[in-house]
Amino acid sequence: MALTLAAFIGVTAGEQHPDLVRSTEEFAHHWPGDTALATAVEQFFANGGTRAWVVPLRTMTEKSVRRAVEDLDPDVALVAIPDEPVAPPAIVAAAQAALGDRGALLLLDGDWPDVSEAVTAMADPVGAVGASGGDCVVYWPRLSRPLPGGGSEDISPLGAVAGIIAHCEDVHGVDKTPAGVTARIAGVTGPAVSVDDLEMNPLNDKRINVIRQFPGLGTVVWGARTLSSDPEWKYVPVRRMAVFLERSLRRGLQWAVFEPNGEPLWERVRMSIEDFLQDMFRGGMLGGPRPDSSYFIRCDRSTMTQDDIDNGRLIIEVGFAPLRPAEFIVLRIRLDVAGG
């Protein structure tokens, strides 16, 4: 599995062209200075991230952000737009529109001073943060970190969270939840706002992923919910697994595009996908005690009409059982191949 690639889009001086960086020092060489973008990238590497695609902007406008997102490397899996204190909803909306259905997670944060304001604001996610849906994730509150000369400052959690998600996926796989006792945030003194157990329920109901501090654990990410109202896409690892599976299958089936759309092709496609899903099952990435309760594959006349077949529309349905309790998630994949 390829290492998870994050992208950070933000305002900074220095070189004004996108680049891939692998360390805080490499970032500072291209873009020196104390900016929200620099802080996010520093936190990303401090929390386990290994590769960051950086897109510098002179000014942050809807047009510049939209263009930056459209030009991102197609393998980017996590997108953050660090600003001080947070990116305005209109900027976030432009980014989500540009991302379309590519499947990258858009990481968002809020600058609410307390639980009550956070819950009230997120009654309308689009109005509060500018986006909604299964590919959008909100983390709150901001983080406090010590200053070299004493005192502290509050910073966005986006860089740290991106690093934790990337590290979790790189080490454990996309099916593992990037939250809980293993999702400790390094380099901070704690969350800027304390949240107790009673306050967690209304925040969970609004799909806010809370950052908390516990004795003996430190500062941890304590949630992995998306902003989707669809129960299928409620959790980050389920959504990430679906994206990983669809991308993998599309890449692995490129050989099929020159084949006639008929029974021999359908059988080869089913066998190819079966091999891939068997590997996932044996690797513990799917729920269910047996393969037949973990996944299914359909590629036949039940998924295609005669018109589909004649016009080279190969349509495949793949269902999988995620590790987190849920119904089967069904992906419908269409490839354009030779006609029947």
Protein backbone atom coordinates (compact mmCIF):
# COMPACT_ATOMS: atom_id res chain seq x y z
CA MET A 1 0.00 0.00 0.00
CA ALA A 2 1.40 3.40 -0.99
CA LEU A 3 2.18 5.95 1.70
CA THR A 4 -0.67 8.36 2.36
CA LEU A 5 -0.07 11.71 0.65
CA ALA A 6 -1.38 14.89 2.30
CA ALA A 7 -1.74 18.32 0.70
CA PHE A 8 -1.58 21.70 2.44
CA ILE A 9 -2.82 24.85 0.70
CA GLY A 10 -2.07 28.19 2.31
CA VAL A 11 -0.68 31.71 2.15
CA THR A 12 3.09 32.13 2.39
CA ALA A 13 6.03 34.07 1.00
CA GLY A 14 8.89 32.39 -0.83
CA GLU A 15 8.67 30.18 -3.87
CA GLN A 16 5.25 30.26 -5.51
CA HIS A 17 5.04 26.83 -7.07
CA PRO A 18 3.72 23.55 -5.59
CA ASP A 19 6.23 21.01 -4.37
CA LEU A 20 6.46 17.72 -2.50
CA VAL A 21 8.32 17.97 0.80
CA ARG A 22 9.44 15.26 3.21
CA SER A 23 10.47 17.26 6.28
CA THR A 24 9.93 20.53 8.13
CA GLU A 25 13.44 21.61 7.12
CA GLU A 26 12.69 21.02 3.45
CA PHE A 27 9.52 23.10 3.77
CA ALA A 28 11.39 25.97 5.48
CA HIS A 29 13.98 25.98 2.70
CA HIS A 30 11.27 26.76 0.15
CA TRP A 31 8.94 28.85 2.33
CA PRO A 32 10.63 30.51 5.33
CA GLY A 33 8.58 32.42 7.86
CA ASP A 34 6.03 31.95 10.62
CA THR A 35 2.67 31.25 8.96
CA ALA A 36 -0.36 29.07 9.58
CA LEU A 37 0.82 26.94 6.66
CA ALA A 38 4.29 26.50 8.19
CA THR A 39 2.80 25.51 11.55
CA ALA A 40 0.48 22.94 9.97
CA VAL A 41 3.30 21.32 7.99
CA GLU A 42 5.54 21.26 11.07
CA GLN A 43 2.78 19.56 13.07
CA PHE A 44 2.18 17.09 10.24
CA PHE A 45 5.75 15.81 10.32
CA ALA A 46 5.89 15.91 14.14
CA ASN A 47 2.91 13.55 14.25
CA GLY A 48 4.02 10.86 11.84
CA GLY A 49 3.38 12.28 8.37
CA THR A 50 6.01 11.44 5.76
CA ARG A 51 5.03 13.27 2.55
CA ALA A 52 3.25 16.58 2.07
CA TRP A 53 2.26 18.25 -1.17
CA VAL A 54 2.46 22.01 -0.50
CA VAL A 55 0.63 24.59 -2.60
CA PRO A 56 1.67 28.17 -1.69
CA LEU A 57 -0.65 31.11 -2.35
CA ARG A 58 0.02 34.84 -2.41
CA THR A 59 -3.57 35.48 -1.35
CA MET A 60 -6.33 33.09 -0.42
CA THR A 61 -9.37 33.57 -2.62
CA GLU A 62 -12.04 31.19 -3.86
CA LYS A 63 -10.46 31.28 -7.31
CA SER A 64 -6.90 30.62 -6.11
CA VAL A 65 -7.99 27.77 -3.83
CA ARG A 66 -10.13 26.20 -6.53
CA ARG A 67 -7.22 26.27 -8.96
CA ALA A 68 -4.84 24.88 -6.33
CA VAL A 69 -7.14 21.94 -5.60
CA GLU A 70 -7.71 21.19 -9.28
CA ASP A 71 -3.93 21.00 -9.80
CA LEU A 72 -3.24 18.61 -6.91
CA ASP A 73 -1.48 15.32 -7.49
CA PRO A 74 -4.22 12.71 -8.16
CA ASP A 75 -2.84 10.51 -5.37
CA VAL A 76 -3.48 13.13 -2.67
CA ALA A 77 -5.64 11.53 0.04
CA LEU A 78 -5.85 14.31 2.67
CA VAL A 79 -6.39 18.03 2.01
CA ALA A 80 -6.07 20.85 4.55
CA ILE A 81 -6.30 24.61 4.10
CA PRO A 82 -4.69 26.09 7.23
CA ASP A 83 -5.48 29.73 7.87
CA GLU A 84 -5.52 31.97 10.92
CA PRO A 85 -7.66 31.16 12.73
CA VAL A 86 -9.64 29.04 10.22
CA ALA A 87 -10.38 29.11 6.50
CA PRO A 88 -13.67 30.97 5.78
CA PRO A 89 -16.65 28.84 4.71
CA ALA A 90 -16.60 30.26 1.16
CA ILE A 91 -12.97 29.13 0.73
CA VAL A 92 -13.80 25.65 2.02
CA ALA A 93 -16.83 25.44 -0.27
CA ALA A 94 -14.62 26.26 -3.26
CA ALA A 95 -12.18 23.53 -2.25
CA GLN A 96 -14.90 20.92 -1.85
CA ALA A 97 -16.39 21.80 -5.23
CA ALA A 98 -12.98 21.45 -6.87
CA LEU A 99 -12.33 18.10 -5.19
CA GLY A 100 -15.55 16.72 -6.63
CA ASP A 101 -15.76 12.94 -6.28
CA ARG A 102 -12.02 12.20 -6.23
CA GLY A 103 -12.35 10.76 -2.71
CA ALA A 104 -9.76 12.84 -0.84
CA LEU A 105 -10.64 13.75 2.76
CA LEU A 106 -11.06 17.48 3.34
CA LEU A 107 -9.89 18.22 6.90
CA LEU A 108 -11.66 21.13 8.61
CA ASP A 109 -11.54 22.90 11.97
CA GLY A 110 -13.51 25.48 13.93
CA ASP A 111 -12.61 28.44 16.12
CA TRP A 112 -15.51 28.11 18.56
CA PRO A 113 -14.69 29.24 22.11
CA ASP A 114 -16.76 26.60 23.91
CA VAL A 115 -18.92 23.51 23.48
CA SER A 116 -22.20 25.44 23.30
CA GLU A 117 -21.05 27.58 20.39
CA ALA A 118 -19.58 24.59 18.58
CA VAL A 119 -22.84 22.65 18.83
CA THR A 120 -24.93 25.64 17.80
CA ALA A 121 -22.72 26.45 14.82
CA MET A 122 -22.63 22.87 13.52
CA ALA A 123 -26.40 22.68 13.37
CA ASP A 124 -25.65 24.00 9.86
CA PRO A 125 -22.29 22.50 8.78
CA VAL A 126 -22.23 24.26 5.42
CA GLY A 127 -22.84 27.61 7.08
CA ALA A 128 -20.36 26.91 9.86
CA VAL A 129 -17.42 25.38 7.98
CA GLY A 130 -18.46 25.59 4.33
CA ALA A 131 -18.87 21.90 3.52
CA SER A 132 -20.63 18.65 4.33
CA GLY A 133 -20.60 15.01 3.21
CA GLY A 134 -18.62 11.80 3.59
CA ASP A 135 -15.34 13.30 2.41
CA CYS A 136 -15.35 16.14 4.98
CA VAL A 137 -14.12 15.81 8.57
CA VAL A 138 -14.19 18.43 11.36
CA TYR A 139 -11.75 18.50 14.30
CA TRP A 140 -12.08 20.73 17.37
CA PRO A 141 -10.85 22.43 19.53
CA ARG A 142 -7.63 24.19 18.60
CA LEU A 143 -4.39 23.13 20.28
CA SER A 144 -2.14 24.95 22.73
CA ARG A 145 1.59 24.66 22.27
CA PRO A 146 4.48 26.20 24.23
CA LEU A 147 6.44 29.16 22.86
CA PRO A 148 10.26 29.14 22.99
CA GLY A 149 10.41 32.25 25.19
CA GLY A 150 7.64 31.11 27.52
CA GLY A 151 3.89 31.21 27.37
CA SER A 152 1.79 29.43 24.77
CA GLU A 153 -0.20 29.95 21.59
CA ASP A 154 -3.29 28.33 20.09
CA ILE A 155 -2.86 26.67 16.71
CA SER A 156 -4.99 24.76 14.21
CA PRO A 157 -5.22 20.99 14.77
CA LEU A 158 -5.24 20.26 11.03
CA GLY A 159 -1.52 19.56 10.62
CA ALA A 160 -1.33 17.24 13.63
CA VAL A 161 -4.50 15.38 12.63
CA ALA A 162 -3.27 14.94 9.05
CA GLY A 163 -0.02 13.48 10.40
CA ILE A 164 -1.89 11.06 12.68
CA ILE A 165 -4.21 9.88 9.88
CA ALA A 166 -1.30 9.43 7.47
CA HIS A 167 0.75 7.53 10.07
CA CYS A 168 -2.20 5.30 11.00
CA GLU A 169 -2.86 4.40 7.37
CA ASP A 170 0.81 3.89 6.53
CA VAL A 171 1.42 1.59 9.50
CA HIS A 172 -1.93 -0.14 10.03
CA GLY A 173 -3.94 0.36 6.83
CA VAL A 174 -6.92 2.44 5.75
CA ASP A 175 -9.31 0.16 7.63
CA LYS A 176 -7.98 1.23 11.04
CA THR A 177 -9.55 4.13 12.95
CA PRO A 178 -7.22 7.17 13.28
CA ALA A 179 -8.44 7.99 16.78
CA GLY A 180 -8.29 6.76 20.35
CA VAL A 181 -5.41 5.92 22.66
CA THR A 182 -2.95 5.42 19.79
CA ALA A 183 -3.77 8.81 18.24
CA ARG A 184 -1.67 10.94 20.59
CA ILE A 185 -0.74 14.43 19.43
CA ALA A 186 2.91 15.38 19.92
CA GLY A 187 4.33 18.87 20.45
CA VAL A 188 1.38 20.43 22.26
CA THR A 189 0.39 21.02 25.88
CA GLY A 190 -3.26 20.16 25.32
CA PRO A 191 -6.51 21.25 23.66
CA ALA A 192 -7.37 24.93 23.94
CA VAL A 193 -10.82 23.98 25.32
CA SER A 194 -11.42 21.13 27.77
CA VAL A 195 -14.33 18.79 27.06
CA ASP A 196 -15.73 16.35 29.62
CA ASP A 197 -17.66 13.11 29.09
CA LEU A 198 -21.10 14.74 29.38
CA GLU A 199 -20.24 17.33 26.75
CA MET A 200 -19.12 14.67 24.27
CA ASN A 201 -22.63 13.51 23.30
CA PRO A 202 -23.89 16.75 21.72
CA LEU A 203 -20.55 17.18 19.94
CA ASN A 204 -20.72 13.62 18.60
CA ASP A 205 -24.29 14.25 17.45
CA LYS A 206 -23.01 17.18 15.36
CA ARG A 207 -20.24 14.97 13.94
CA ILE A 208 -17.44 17.02 15.52
CA ASN A 209 -14.30 15.00 16.22
CA VAL A 210 -13.13 16.18 19.60
CA ILE A 211 -9.52 16.46 20.71
CA ARG A 212 -9.24 15.66 24.41
CA GLN A 213 -6.64 15.35 27.15
CA PHE A 214 -6.53 12.39 29.54
CA PRO A 215 -4.24 11.70 32.49
CA GLY A 216 -1.54 9.27 31.45
CA LEU A 217 -2.48 9.50 27.77
CA GLY A 218 -1.85 13.12 26.91
CA THR A 219 -3.66 14.88 24.07
CA VAL A 220 -5.54 12.50 21.76
CA VAL A 221 -7.90 12.60 18.80
CA TRP A 222 -11.13 11.19 20.21
CA GLY A 223 -13.33 10.78 17.15
CA ALA A 224 -13.38 9.69 13.50
CA ARG A 225 -16.73 10.82 12.11
CA THR A 226 -17.35 12.38 8.73
CA LEU A 227 -19.93 15.10 8.04
CA SER A 228 -22.12 12.69 6.08
CA SER A 229 -25.77 12.24 7.02
CA ASP A 230 -25.64 8.86 5.25
CA PRO A 231 -25.02 6.09 7.85
CA GLU A 232 -22.85 4.21 5.33
CA TRP A 233 -20.27 6.98 5.33
CA LYS A 234 -20.48 7.93 9.00
CA TYR A 235 -16.93 6.85 9.87
CA VAL A 236 -13.59 7.86 8.37
CA PRO A 237 -12.11 4.33 8.00
CA VAL A 238 -15.20 3.05 6.19
CA ARG A 239 -15.06 5.92 3.72
CA ARG A 240 -11.30 5.57 3.30
CA MET A 241 -11.64 1.81 2.72
CA ALA A 242 -14.25 2.38 0.00
CA VAL A 243 -12.04 4.95 -1.75
CA PHE A 244 -9.00 2.67 -1.51
CA LEU A 245 -10.94 -0.30 -2.87
CA GLU A 246 -12.48 1.58 -5.79
CA ARG A 247 -9.16 3.19 -6.78
CA SER A 248 -7.35 -0.13 -6.53
CA LEU A 249 -9.91 -1.94 -8.64
CA ARG A 250 -9.97 0.74 -11.33
CA ARG A 251 -6.19 0.62 -11.60
CA GLY A 252 -6.07 -3.16 -11.50
CA LEU A 253 -8.68 -3.54 -14.25
CA GLN A 254 -7.15 -1.26 -16.86
CA TRP A 255 -6.30 -4.33 -18.91
CA ALA A 256 -10.04 -4.83 -19.48
CA VAL A 257 -10.62 -1.68 -21.54
CA PHE A 258 -9.57 -3.32 -24.82
CA GLU A 259 -11.53 -6.55 -24.28
CA PRO A 260 -14.93 -7.37 -25.82
CA ASN A 261 -17.78 -6.85 -23.37
CA GLY A 262 -19.02 -10.41 -22.91
CA GLU A 263 -19.05 -13.49 -20.67
CA PRO A 264 -15.31 -14.32 -21.03
CA LEU A 265 -14.39 -10.80 -19.88
CA TRP A 266 -16.89 -10.84 -17.02
CA GLU A 267 -15.49 -14.11 -15.69
CA ARG A 268 -11.91 -12.79 -15.81
CA VAL A 269 -12.97 -9.59 -14.05
CA ARG A 270 -14.73 -11.54 -11.29
CA MET A 271 -11.68 -13.76 -10.79
CA SER A 272 -9.33 -10.77 -10.68
CA ILE A 273 -11.44 -8.97 -8.08
CA GLU A 274 -11.88 -12.20 -6.10
CA ASP A 275 -8.09 -12.56 -5.79
CA PHE A 276 -7.77 -8.97 -4.57
CA LEU A 277 -10.57 -9.25 -2.00
CA GLN A 278 -9.26 -12.61 -0.77
CA ASP A 279 -5.94 -10.92 0.01
CA MET A 280 -7.80 -8.17 1.89
CA PHE A 281 -9.80 -10.77 3.83
CA ARG A 282 -6.71 -12.75 4.78
CA GLY A 283 -5.03 -9.50 5.82
CA GLY A 284 -7.85 -8.77 8.28
CA MET A 285 -9.11 -5.70 6.42
CA LEU A 286 -12.72 -6.94 6.05
CA GLY A 287 -15.40 -7.87 8.54
CA GLY A 288 -17.13 -11.23 8.58
CA PRO A 289 -15.82 -14.66 9.63
CA ARG A 290 -15.78 -16.11 6.09
CA PRO A 291 -15.19 -14.71 2.61
CA ASP A 292 -18.86 -15.15 1.65
CA SER A 293 -19.88 -12.98 4.61
CA SER A 294 -17.13 -10.43 3.91
CA TYR A 295 -17.64 -9.50 0.27
CA PHE A 296 -19.47 -10.21 -2.97
CA ILE A 297 -18.81 -9.49 -6.66
CA ARG A 298 -21.32 -9.09 -9.46
CA CYS A 299 -20.38 -8.58 -13.09
CA ASP A 300 -22.96 -10.14 -15.39
CA ARG A 301 -26.34 -9.47 -16.93
CA SER A 302 -27.71 -8.52 -13.51
CA THR A 303 -25.48 -5.42 -13.51
CA MET A 304 -25.67 -4.57 -17.22
CA THR A 305 -28.46 -4.13 -19.73
CA GLN A 306 -28.07 -5.22 -23.34
CA ASP A 307 -27.58 -1.56 -24.24
CA ASP A 308 -24.72 -1.35 -21.72
CA ILE A 309 -23.12 -4.44 -23.23
CA ASP A 310 -23.49 -3.24 -26.82
CA ASN A 311 -22.03 0.17 -25.99
CA GLY A 312 -19.05 -1.10 -24.01
CA ARG A 313 -20.23 -0.16 -20.54
CA LEU A 314 -18.74 -2.71 -18.16
CA ILE A 315 -20.57 -2.34 -14.83
CA ILE A 316 -19.36 -4.10 -11.71
CA GLU A 317 -20.89 -4.22 -8.25
CA VAL A 318 -18.62 -4.99 -5.32
CA GLY A 319 -19.92 -5.25 -1.77
CA PHE A 320 -17.70 -5.40 1.30
CA ALA A 321 -18.24 -5.62 5.04
CA PRO A 322 -16.22 -3.02 6.94
CA LEU A 323 -14.63 -3.92 10.26
CA ARG A 324 -16.74 -1.37 12.11
CA PRO A 325 -20.28 -2.76 12.46
CA ALA A 326 -22.30 -1.69 9.44
CA GLU A 327 -24.27 -3.12 6.56
CA PHE A 328 -22.47 -4.15 3.38
CA ILE A 329 -21.09 -1.18 1.50
CA VAL A 330 -21.79 -1.56 -2.23
CA LEU A 331 -19.59 0.07 -4.85
CA ARG A 332 -20.75 0.38 -8.44
CA ILE A 333 -17.85 0.71 -10.84
CA ARG A 334 -18.21 1.49 -14.54
CA LEU A 335 -15.44 1.01 -17.09
CA ASP A 336 -15.63 1.80 -20.80
CA VAL A 337 -14.49 -1.23 -22.78
CA ALA A 338 -14.89 -2.59 -26.30
CA GLY A 339 -18.49 -3.24 -27.32
CA GLY A 340 -20.19 -6.62 -27.04
